[in-house]
Amino acid sequence: MKPTFSPIDTLSRLMASICYFSVLFMPVVLPLIAWLVARLMSNPNEAVAYHAKRAFWSQVIPAIFGIFALLLITGIGFSTDFNSWALSGLSMALLILAGLIAAGLWVYNIVMAILVLLDR
């Protein structure tokens, strides 16, 4: 559920939008910095902190899932026969799933950046 904020000024909307757009040029790092700065300021900006946190998690989830999938594939590969069709199928399914999650969250970030920028 989206919290209600007092009217967001243009600079705050722009910063929140850049946090989502950062998926194109500086994923994870920029939203994390913006989230921390918005929270630790003497006058915290709740709107920027909210959107920066959402952008951060929507950019870090595909990385976590991808690392998990690669570790699982590697672990299964070392414990079974390397010519196994089941391993190949599982590996391909996990990689496709990781790609779909990453693509879906990439689109989500772009759409949210536009919506925040348009103040919707």
Foldseek 3Di string as FASTA:
>chain_A
DDDDDDDDDLVLLLLLLVLLVCLVPPALPSLVVQLVCQCPDPPHDVSSNVSSVVSNVLRCVLVVLVVVLVVVLVVVCVVDPVPDPVSVVSNVVSVVVSVVSNVVSNVVSNVVSVCSNVVD
